[in-house]
Amino acid sequence: MFAYVGVMSNPYYAITDDEGDFKISNLPPGDYTLTAYHVKAHGHFSAGVTQTIKIEGDKAVTANFTVEVPPPAT
C-alpha cells in the first residue's frame, strides 16, 4: 500500500479532473504562485513547475501548465 498526501497551509488548492482541468474558487484579490506537481515527472527531487497569477475582483484567470511525464520503463 502507498498514498499521496499533500499538506496545505491554506484552503486554496485543486486536483485536476480526467482532462487535466482544475478550478480554484473564492480566492481573495492578490498575487499568487501556482505549482503543478506530478510524482512521475518530478519525483522527490523537484518542487514541480510554477506560474504566477494576479487575481483582481471576480475576473477569471486562466493558468496553463505543461508537465512532461516520461513513459513507463520497459
PDB file of N, CA and C in Angstrom:
ATOM      1  N   MET A   1       0.829  -1.171   0.000  1.00  0.00           N
ATOM      2  CA  MET A   1       0.000   0.000   0.000  1.00  0.00           C
ATOM      3  C   MET A   1       0.880   1.244   0.000  1.00  0.00           C
ATOM      4  N   PHE A   2       0.362   2.292  -0.631  1.00  0.00           N
ATOM      5  CA  PHE A   2       1.018   3.592  -0.574  1.00  0.00           C
ATOM      6  C   PHE A   2      -0.039   4.664  -0.740  1.00  0.00           C
ATOM      7  N   ALA A   3       0.350   5.887  -0.444  1.00  0.00           N
ATOM      8  CA  ALA A   3      -0.591   7.007  -0.559  1.00  0.00           C
ATOM      9  C   ALA A   3       0.168   8.270  -0.924  1.00  0.00           C
ATOM     10  N   TYR A   4      -0.529   9.184  -1.565  1.00  0.00           N
ATOM     11  CA  TYR A   4      -0.002  10.514  -1.824  1.00  0.00           C
ATOM     12  C   TYR A   4      -0.699  11.459  -0.859  1.00  0.00           C
ATOM     13  N   VAL A   5       0.060  12.237  -0.137  1.00  0.00           N
ATOM     14  CA  VAL A   5      -0.504  13.162   0.832  1.00  0.00           C
ATOM     15  C   VAL A   5       0.024  14.551   0.523  1.00  0.00           C
ATOM     16  N   GLY A   6      -0.886  15.503   0.391  1.00  0.00           N
ATOM     17  CA  GLY A   6      -0.496  16.901   0.189  1.00  0.00           C
ATOM     18  C   GLY A   6      -0.995  17.715   1.367  1.00  0.00           C
ATOM     19  N   VAL A   7      -0.083  18.346   2.066  1.00  0.00           N
ATOM     20  CA  VAL A   7      -0.446  19.162   3.220  1.00  0.00           C
ATOM     21  C   VAL A   7      -0.377  20.622   2.802  1.00  0.00           C
ATOM     22  N   MET A   8      -1.476  21.336   2.953  1.00  0.00           N
ATOM     23  CA  MET A   8      -1.557  22.734   2.544  1.00  0.00           C
ATOM     24  C   MET A   8      -1.725  23.617   3.776  1.00  0.00           C
ATOM     25  N   SER A   9      -1.121  24.787   3.728  1.00  0.00           N
ATOM     26  CA  SER A   9      -1.270  25.730   4.840  1.00  0.00           C
ATOM     27  C   SER A   9      -2.419  26.706   4.578  1.00  0.00           C
ATOM     28  N   ASN A  10      -3.211  26.438   3.538  1.00  0.00           N
ATOM     29  CA  ASN A  10      -4.361  27.278   3.206  1.00  0.00           C
ATOM     30  C   ASN A  10      -5.437  26.410   2.554  1.00  0.00           C
ATOM     31  N   PRO A  11      -6.655  26.925   2.423  1.00  0.00           N
ATOM     32  CA  PRO A  11      -7.735  26.118   1.846  1.00  0.00           C
ATOM     33  C   PRO A  11      -7.829  26.201   0.319  1.00  0.00           C
ATOM     34  N   TYR A  12      -6.841  26.793  -0.340  1.00  0.00           N
ATOM     35  CA  TYR A  12      -6.922  27.029  -1.785  1.00  0.00           C
ATOM     36  C   TYR A  12      -6.021  26.053  -2.533  1.00  0.00           C
ATOM     37  N   TYR A  13      -6.629  25.002  -3.073  1.00  0.00           N
ATOM     38  CA  TYR A  13      -5.896  24.010  -3.843  1.00  0.00           C
ATOM     39  C   TYR A  13      -6.884  23.321  -4.784  1.00  0.00           C
ATOM     40  N   ALA A  14      -6.356  22.564  -5.727  1.00  0.00           N
ATOM     41  CA  ALA A  14      -7.222  21.826  -6.646  1.00  0.00           C
ATOM     42  C   ALA A  14      -6.527  20.552  -7.076  1.00  0.00           C
ATOM     43  N   ILE A  15      -7.332  19.569  -7.426  1.00  0.00           N
ATOM     44  CA  ILE A  15      -6.859  18.334  -8.040  1.00  0.00           C
ATOM     45  C   ILE A  15      -7.475  18.304  -9.429  1.00  0.00           C
ATOM     46  N   THR A  16      -6.698  17.996 -10.423  1.00  0.00           N
ATOM     47  CA  THR A  16      -7.213  18.019 -11.796  1.00  0.00           C
ATOM     48  C   THR A  16      -8.231  16.906 -12.020  1.00  0.00           C
ATOM     49  N   ASP A  17      -9.125  17.169 -12.997  1.00  0.00           N
ATOM     50  CA  ASP A  17     -10.080  16.140 -13.395  1.00  0.00           C
ATOM     51  C   ASP A  17      -9.429  15.233 -14.444  1.00  0.00           C
ATOM     52  N   ASP A  18     -10.209  14.359 -15.053  1.00  0.00           N
ATOM     53  CA  ASP A  18      -9.670  13.414 -16.037  1.00  0.00           C
ATOM     54  C   ASP A  18      -9.078  14.096 -17.267  1.00  0.00           C
ATOM     55  N   GLU A  19      -9.501  15.322 -17.538  1.00  0.00           N
ATOM     56  CA  GLU A  19      -8.993  16.078 -18.681  1.00  0.00           C
ATOM     57  C   GLU A  19      -7.819  16.987 -18.302  1.00  0.00           C
ATOM     58  N   GLY A  20      -7.455  17.013 -17.018  1.00  0.00           N
ATOM     59  CA  GLY A  20      -6.368  17.867 -16.567  1.00  0.00           C
ATOM     60  C   GLY A  20      -6.815  19.271 -16.188  1.00  0.00           C
ATOM     61  N   ASP A  21      -8.121  19.508 -16.159  1.00  0.00           N
ATOM     62  CA  ASP A  21      -8.645  20.833 -15.827  1.00  0.00           C
ATOM     63  C   ASP A  21      -8.815  20.972 -14.314  1.00  0.00           C
ATOM     64  N   PHE A  22      -8.689  22.203 -13.836  1.00  0.00           N
ATOM     65  CA  PHE A  22      -8.894  22.459 -12.425  1.00  0.00           C
ATOM     66  C   PHE A  22      -9.484  23.841 -12.238  1.00  0.00           C
ATOM     67  N   LYS A  23     -10.087  24.054 -11.056  1.00  0.00           N
ATOM     68  CA  LYS A  23     -10.673  25.349 -10.725  1.00  0.00           C
ATOM     69  C   LYS A  23     -10.458  25.597  -9.240  1.00  0.00           C
ATOM     70  N   ILE A  24      -9.992  26.793  -8.910  1.00  0.00           N
ATOM     71  CA  ILE A  24      -9.849  27.208  -7.519  1.00  0.00           C
ATOM     72  C   ILE A  24     -10.766  28.411  -7.346  1.00  0.00           C
ATOM     73  N   SER A  25     -11.775  28.271  -6.499  1.00  0.00           N
ATOM     74  CA  SER A  25     -12.781  29.318  -6.331  1.00  0.00           C
ATOM     75  C   SER A  25     -12.517  30.156  -5.082  1.00  0.00           C
ATOM     76  N   ASN A  26     -13.093  31.359  -5.096  1.00  0.00           N
ATOM     77  CA  ASN A  26     -13.120  32.253  -3.929  1.00  0.00           C
ATOM     78  C   ASN A  26     -11.754  32.728  -3.447  1.00  0.00           C
ATOM     79  N   LEU A  27     -10.808  32.878  -4.365  1.00  0.00           N
ATOM     80  CA  LEU A  27      -9.512  33.431  -3.972  1.00  0.00           C
ATOM     81  C   LEU A  27      -9.643  34.932  -3.725  1.00  0.00           C
ATOM     82  N   PRO A  28      -9.128  35.424  -2.620  1.00  0.00           N
ATOM     83  CA  PRO A  28      -9.118  36.874  -2.410  1.00  0.00           C
ATOM     84  C   PRO A  28      -8.200  37.539  -3.441  1.00  0.00           C
ATOM     85  N   PRO A  29      -8.447  38.804  -3.800  1.00  0.00           N
ATOM     86  CA  PRO A  29      -7.562  39.501  -4.743  1.00  0.00           C
ATOM     87  C   PRO A  29      -6.114  39.496  -4.244  1.00  0.00           C
ATOM     88  N   GLY A  30      -5.184  39.389  -5.201  1.00  0.00           N
ATOM     89  CA  GLY A  30      -3.767  39.403  -4.862  1.00  0.00           C
ATOM     90  C   GLY A  30      -2.948  38.621  -5.858  1.00  0.00           C
ATOM     91  N   ASP A  31      -1.656  38.547  -5.611  1.00  0.00           N
ATOM     92  CA  ASP A  31      -0.731  37.795  -6.446  1.00  0.00           C
ATOM     93  C   ASP A  31      -0.527  36.417  -5.823  1.00  0.00           C
ATOM     94  N   TYR A  32      -0.551  35.378  -6.671  1.00  0.00           N
ATOM     95  CA  TYR A  32      -0.411  34.005  -6.207  1.00  0.00           C
ATOM     96  C   TYR A  32       0.568  33.247  -7.091  1.00  0.00           C
ATOM     97  N   THR A  33       1.253  32.275  -6.502  1.00  0.00           N
ATOM     98  CA  THR A  33       2.099  31.365  -7.259  1.00  0.00           C
ATOM     99  C   THR A  33       1.441  29.996  -7.228  1.00  0.00           C
ATOM    100  N   LEU A  34       1.108  29.479  -8.417  1.00  0.00           N
ATOM    101  CA  LEU A  34       0.529  28.146  -8.554  1.00  0.00           C
ATOM    102  C   LEU A  34       1.648  27.151  -8.830  1.00  0.00           C
ATOM    103  N   THR A  35       1.531  25.963  -8.279  1.00  0.00           N
ATOM    104  CA  THR A  35       2.515  24.915  -8.512  1.00  0.00           C
ATOM    105  C   THR A  35       1.806  23.672  -9.009  1.00  0.00           C
ATOM    106  N   ALA A  36       2.305  23.099 -10.100  1.00  0.00           N
ATOM    107  CA  ALA A  36       1.806  21.826 -10.617  1.00  0.00           C
ATOM    108  C   ALA A  36       2.891  20.778 -10.374  1.00  0.00           C
ATOM    109  N   TYR A  37       2.493  19.665  -9.772  1.00  0.00           N
ATOM    110  CA  TYR A  37       3.448  18.618  -9.424  1.00  0.00           C
ATOM    111  C   TYR A  37       2.874  17.261  -9.838  1.00  0.00           C
ATOM    112  N   HIS A  38       3.708  16.447 -10.458  1.00  0.00           N
ATOM    113  CA  HIS A  38       3.333  15.085 -10.834  1.00  0.00           C
ATOM    114  C   HIS A  38       4.458  14.174 -10.375  1.00  0.00           C
ATOM    115  N   VAL A  39       4.138  13.182  -9.565  1.00  0.00           N
ATOM    116  CA  VAL A  39       5.173  12.350  -8.961  1.00  0.00           C
ATOM    117  C   VAL A  39       6.039  11.637 -10.007  1.00  0.00           C
ATOM    118  N   LYS A  40       5.460  11.217 -11.128  1.00  0.00           N
ATOM    119  CA  LYS A  40       6.255  10.516 -12.147  1.00  0.00           C
ATOM    120  C   LYS A  40       7.128  11.471 -12.950  1.00  0.00           C
ATOM    121  N   ALA A  41       6.746  12.718 -13.037  1.00  0.00           N
ATOM    122  CA  ALA A  41       7.544  13.693 -13.778  1.00  0.00           C
ATOM    123  C   ALA A  41       8.571  14.376 -12.885  1.00  0.00           C
ATOM    124  N   HIS A  42       8.215  14.633 -11.642  1.00  0.00           N
ATOM    125  CA  HIS A  42       9.074  15.429 -10.764  1.00  0.00           C
ATOM    126  C   HIS A  42       9.754  14.627  -9.668  1.00  0.00           C
ATOM    127  N   GLY A  43       9.227  13.464  -9.342  1.00  0.00           N
ATOM    128  CA  GLY A  43       9.854  12.620  -8.334  1.00  0.00           C
ATOM    129  C   GLY A  43       9.987  13.319  -6.995  1.00  0.00           C
ATOM    130  N   HIS A  44      11.004  12.951  -6.287  1.00  0.00           N
ATOM    131  CA  HIS A  44      11.245  13.529  -4.960  1.00  0.00           C
ATOM    132  C   HIS A  44      12.262  14.659  -5.010  1.00  0.00           C
ATOM    133  N   PHE A  45      12.765  14.978  -6.195  1.00  0.00           N
ATOM    134  CA  PHE A  45      13.863  15.933  -6.294  1.00  0.00           C
ATOM    135  C   PHE A  45      13.454  17.277  -6.881  1.00  0.00           C
ATOM    136  N   SER A  46      12.185  17.461  -7.169  1.00  0.00           N
ATOM    137  CA  SER A  46      11.716  18.702  -7.777  1.00  0.00           C
ATOM    138  C   SER A  46      10.439  19.148  -7.085  1.00  0.00           C
ATOM    139  N   ALA A  47      10.255  20.449  -7.033  1.00  0.00           N
ATOM    140  CA  ALA A  47       9.027  21.002  -6.445  1.00  0.00           C
ATOM    141  C   ALA A  47       7.933  21.146  -7.498  1.00  0.00           C
ATOM    142  N   GLY A  48       8.190  20.751  -8.742  1.00  0.00           N
ATOM    143  CA  GLY A  48       7.192  20.876  -9.801  1.00  0.00           C
ATOM    144  C   GLY A  48       7.441  22.114 -10.644  1.00  0.00           C
ATOM    145  N   VAL A  49       6.418  22.569 -11.332  1.00  0.00           N
ATOM    146  CA  VAL A  49       6.512  23.776 -12.161  1.00  0.00           C
ATOM    147  C   VAL A  49       5.580  24.827 -11.573  1.00  0.00           C
ATOM    148  N   THR A  50       5.988  26.087 -11.664  1.00  0.00           N
ATOM    149  CA  THR A  50       5.207  27.155 -11.052  1.00  0.00           C
ATOM    150  C   THR A  50       4.795  28.201 -12.073  1.00  0.00           C
ATOM    151  N   GLN A  51       3.769  28.952 -11.719  1.00  0.00           N
ATOM    152  CA  GLN A  51       3.263  30.045 -12.541  1.00  0.00           C
ATOM    153  C   GLN A  51       2.648  31.076 -11.600  1.00  0.00           C
ATOM    154  N   THR A  52       2.939  32.345 -11.839  1.00  0.00           N
ATOM    155  CA  THR A  52       2.390  33.421 -11.020  1.00  0.00           C
ATOM    156  C   THR A  52       1.154  33.998 -11.701  1.00  0.00           C
ATOM    157  N   ILE A  53       0.095  34.220 -10.908  1.00  0.00           N
ATOM    158  CA  ILE A  53      -1.139  34.816 -11.418  1.00  0.00           C
ATOM    159  C   ILE A  53      -1.529  35.997 -10.537  1.00  0.00           C
ATOM    160  N   LYS A  54      -2.367  36.874 -11.071  1.00  0.00           N
ATOM    161  CA  LYS A  54      -2.887  38.006 -10.315  1.00  0.00           C
ATOM    162  C   LYS A  54      -4.410  37.928 -10.329  1.00  0.00           C
ATOM    163  N   ILE A  55      -5.020  37.901  -9.148  1.00  0.00           N
ATOM    164  CA  ILE A  55      -6.471  37.866  -9.014  1.00  0.00           C
ATOM    165  C   ILE A  55      -6.950  39.289  -8.763  1.00  0.00           C
ATOM    166  N   GLU A  56      -7.897  39.733  -9.607  1.00  0.00           N
ATOM    167  CA  GLU A  56      -8.464  41.078  -9.492  1.00  0.00           C
ATOM    168  C   GLU A  56      -9.985  40.958  -9.468  1.00  0.00           C
ATOM    169  N   GLY A  57     -10.582  41.131  -8.282  1.00  0.00           N
ATOM    170  CA  GLY A  57     -12.040  41.056  -8.173  1.00  0.00           C
ATOM    171  C   GLY A  57     -12.572  39.709  -8.595  1.00  0.00           C
ATOM    172  N   ASP A  58     -13.666  39.715  -9.368  1.00  0.00           N
ATOM    173  CA  ASP A  58     -14.291  38.476  -9.835  1.00  0.00           C
ATOM    174  C   ASP A  58     -13.812  38.059 -11.222  1.00  0.00           C
ATOM    175  N   LYS A  59     -12.778  38.710 -11.729  1.00  0.00           N
ATOM    176  CA  LYS A  59     -12.258  38.425 -13.062  1.00  0.00           C
ATOM    177  C   LYS A  59     -11.611  37.029 -13.099  1.00  0.00           C
ATOM    178  N   ALA A  60     -12.019  36.205 -14.073  1.00  0.00           N
ATOM    179  CA  ALA A  60     -11.459  34.857 -14.219  1.00  0.00           C
ATOM    180  C   ALA A  60     -10.028  34.925 -14.734  1.00  0.00           C
ATOM    181  N   VAL A  61      -9.200  34.017 -14.279  1.00  0.00           N
ATOM    182  CA  VAL A  61      -7.805  33.923 -14.707  1.00  0.00           C
ATOM    183  C   VAL A  61      -7.570  32.498 -15.186  1.00  0.00           C
ATOM    184  N   THR A  62      -6.848  32.349 -16.285  1.00  0.00           N
ATOM    185  CA  THR A  62      -6.512  31.032 -16.809  1.00  0.00           C
ATOM    186  C   THR A  62      -5.029  30.774 -16.604  1.00  0.00           C
ATOM    187  N   ALA A  63      -4.709  29.598 -16.104  1.00  0.00           N
ATOM    188  CA  ALA A  63      -3.323  29.174 -15.942  1.00  0.00           C
ATOM    189  C   ALA A  63      -3.168  27.841 -16.658  1.00  0.00           C
ATOM    190  N   ASN A  64      -2.168  27.741 -17.510  1.00  0.00           N
ATOM    191  CA  ASN A  64      -1.901  26.504 -18.246  1.00  0.00           C
ATOM    192  C   ASN A  64      -0.519  25.994 -17.885  1.00  0.00           C
ATOM    193  N   PHE A  65      -0.426  24.710 -17.598  1.00  0.00           N
ATOM    194  CA  PHE A  65       0.850  24.070 -17.281  1.00  0.00           C
ATOM    195  C   PHE A  65       1.110  22.965 -18.283  1.00  0.00           C
ATOM    196  N   THR A  66       2.375  22.739 -18.585  1.00  0.00           N
ATOM    197  CA  THR A  66       2.786  21.584 -19.363  1.00  0.00           C
ATOM    198  C   THR A  66       3.738  20.782 -18.496  1.00  0.00           C
ATOM    199  N   VAL A  67       3.371  19.551 -18.220  1.00  0.00           N
ATOM    200  CA  VAL A  67       4.199  18.659 -17.411  1.00  0.00           C
ATOM    201  C   VAL A  67       4.501  17.442 -18.263  1.00  0.00           C
ATOM    202  N   GLU A  68       5.764  17.208 -18.515  1.00  0.00           N
ATOM    203  CA  GLU A  68       6.185  16.065 -19.334  1.00  0.00           C
ATOM    204  C   GLU A  68       6.372  14.842 -18.442  1.00  0.00           C
ATOM    205  N   VAL A  69       5.515  13.843 -18.608  1.00  0.00           N
ATOM    206  CA  VAL A  69       5.607  12.606 -17.839  1.00  0.00           C
ATOM    207  C   VAL A  69       6.304  11.574 -18.704  1.00  0.00           C
ATOM    208  N   PRO A  70       7.429  11.022 -18.213  1.00  0.00           N
ATOM    209  CA  PRO A  70       8.149  10.047 -19.020  1.00  0.00           C
ATOM    210  C   PRO A  70       7.337   8.756 -19.192  1.00  0.00           C
ATOM    211  N   PRO A  71       7.566   8.047 -20.307  1.00  0.00           N
ATOM    212  CA  PRO A  71       6.840   6.781 -20.499  1.00  0.00           C
ATOM    213  C   PRO A  71       7.280   5.759 -19.454  1.00  0.00           C
ATOM    214  N   PRO A  72       6.440   4.761 -19.186  1.00  0.00           N
ATOM    215  CA  PRO A  72       6.813   3.729 -18.205  1.00  0.00           C
ATOM    216  C   PRO A  72       8.062   2.983 -18.656  1.00  0.00           C
ATOM    217  N   ALA A  73       8.875   2.597 -17.690  1.00  0.00           N
ATOM    218  CA  ALA A  73      10.086   1.822 -18.003  1.00  0.00           C
ATOM    219  C   ALA A  73       9.677   0.447 -18.501  1.00  0.00           C
ATOM    220  N   THR A  74      10.424  -0.047 -19.485  1.00  0.00           N
ATOM    221  CA  THR A  74      10.099  -1.379 -20.001  1.00  0.00           C
ATOM    222  C   THR A  74      11.111  -2.395 -19.568  1.00  0.00           C
TER     223      THR A  74
END
